[in-house]
Amino acid sequence: VGEAPALKRNKFKLNGEKQLIEVERFLKKSLGPDKSVYLYCGSGFSPTSDHVLQDLYDNFQVAGELTINYGIQESWG
């Protein structure tokens, strides 16, 4: 989202029991620990770090995939 740098890979398989904080940690490690990371599902819903990925999938999946957008600046919500 916005000016966030792209990752080398754009699809990942994750265990649905994990919390969103795991995605946030991975992105901070990939983008740089000094970067703020904002995560979004759907058209701008900003879930909290304690959301379970399976719950997000159940509510926001499209065609069997959960898309989580990320940014280094707050964009929606």
Protein backbone atom coordinates (compact mmCIF):
# COMPACT_ATOMS: atom_id res chain seq x y z
CA VAL A 1 0.00 0.00 0.00
CA GLY A 2 1.32 3.42 -0.82
CA GLU A 3 5.07 3.63 -0.70
CA ALA A 4 5.69 0.30 1.01
CA PRO A 5 8.48 -1.67 -0.65
CA ALA A 6 7.47 -4.90 -2.38
CA LEU A 7 8.57 -8.25 -1.01
CA LYS A 8 10.48 -10.75 -3.17
CA ARG A 9 7.56 -13.18 -2.79
CA ASN A 10 3.96 -12.07 -2.66
CA LYS A 11 2.25 -15.27 -1.47
CA PHE A 12 2.86 -17.20 1.73
CA LYS A 13 1.22 -20.20 3.38
CA LEU A 14 0.73 -19.79 7.12
CA ASN A 15 -0.81 -21.84 9.88
CA GLY A 16 -4.31 -20.52 10.58
CA GLU A 17 -3.75 -20.84 14.34
CA LYS A 18 -1.08 -18.13 14.29
CA GLN A 19 -1.87 -14.57 15.27
CA LEU A 20 -1.45 -11.58 12.98
CA ILE A 21 1.53 -10.46 15.10
CA GLU A 22 3.55 -13.19 13.34
CA VAL A 23 2.90 -11.52 9.98
CA GLU A 24 3.81 -8.15 11.46
CA ARG A 25 7.10 -9.50 12.87
CA PHE A 26 7.99 -11.08 9.52
CA LEU A 27 7.32 -7.82 7.67
CA LYS A 28 9.34 -5.76 10.14
CA LYS A 29 12.23 -8.18 9.74
CA SER A 30 11.93 -8.01 5.93
CA LEU A 31 11.41 -4.25 5.63
CA GLY A 32 13.69 -3.13 8.45
CA PRO A 33 13.13 -2.99 12.20
CA ASP A 34 12.90 0.81 12.16
CA LYS A 35 9.82 0.75 9.89
CA SER A 36 6.27 0.98 11.18
CA VAL A 37 4.00 -1.64 9.64
CA TYR A 38 0.24 -1.22 9.17
CA LEU A 39 -1.81 -4.25 8.11
CA TYR A 40 -5.19 -4.27 6.35
CA CYS A 41 -7.75 -6.87 5.29
CA GLY A 42 -10.53 -6.35 2.79
CA SER A 43 -11.15 -2.75 1.84
CA GLY A 44 -9.35 -1.16 4.72
CA PHE A 45 -10.21 -3.12 7.89
CA SER A 46 -7.21 -2.81 10.19
CA PRO A 47 -7.17 -5.87 12.49
CA THR A 48 -5.31 -5.87 15.78
CA SER A 49 -2.18 -7.96 16.23
CA ASP A 50 -3.98 -10.55 18.37
CA HIS A 51 -6.41 -11.58 15.60
CA VAL A 52 -6.08 -15.24 14.66
CA LEU A 53 -5.35 -15.77 10.95
CA GLN A 54 -8.08 -18.42 10.59
CA ASP A 55 -10.69 -15.97 11.86
CA LEU A 56 -9.52 -13.34 9.37
CA TYR A 57 -9.59 -15.96 6.62
CA ASP A 58 -13.14 -16.98 7.56
CA ASN A 59 -14.31 -13.37 7.28
CA PHE A 60 -12.18 -11.87 4.51
CA GLN A 61 -11.03 -14.65 2.15
CA VAL A 62 -11.77 -14.29 -1.54
CA ALA A 63 -11.46 -17.31 -3.83
CA GLY A 64 -9.79 -19.30 -1.06
CA GLU A 65 -7.08 -16.73 -0.27
CA LEU A 66 -6.69 -14.16 2.48
CA THR A 67 -5.08 -10.98 1.23
CA ILE A 68 -3.31 -8.88 3.83
CA ASN A 69 -2.13 -5.53 2.55
CA TYR A 70 0.65 -3.74 4.36
CA GLY A 71 2.02 -0.23 4.43
CA ILE A 72 4.67 1.76 6.23
CA GLN A 73 2.27 4.67 6.66
CA GLU A 74 -1.32 4.52 7.85
CA SER A 75 -3.52 4.45 4.76
CA TRP A 76 -7.04 3.30 5.57
CA GLY A 77 -9.14 2.84 8.65
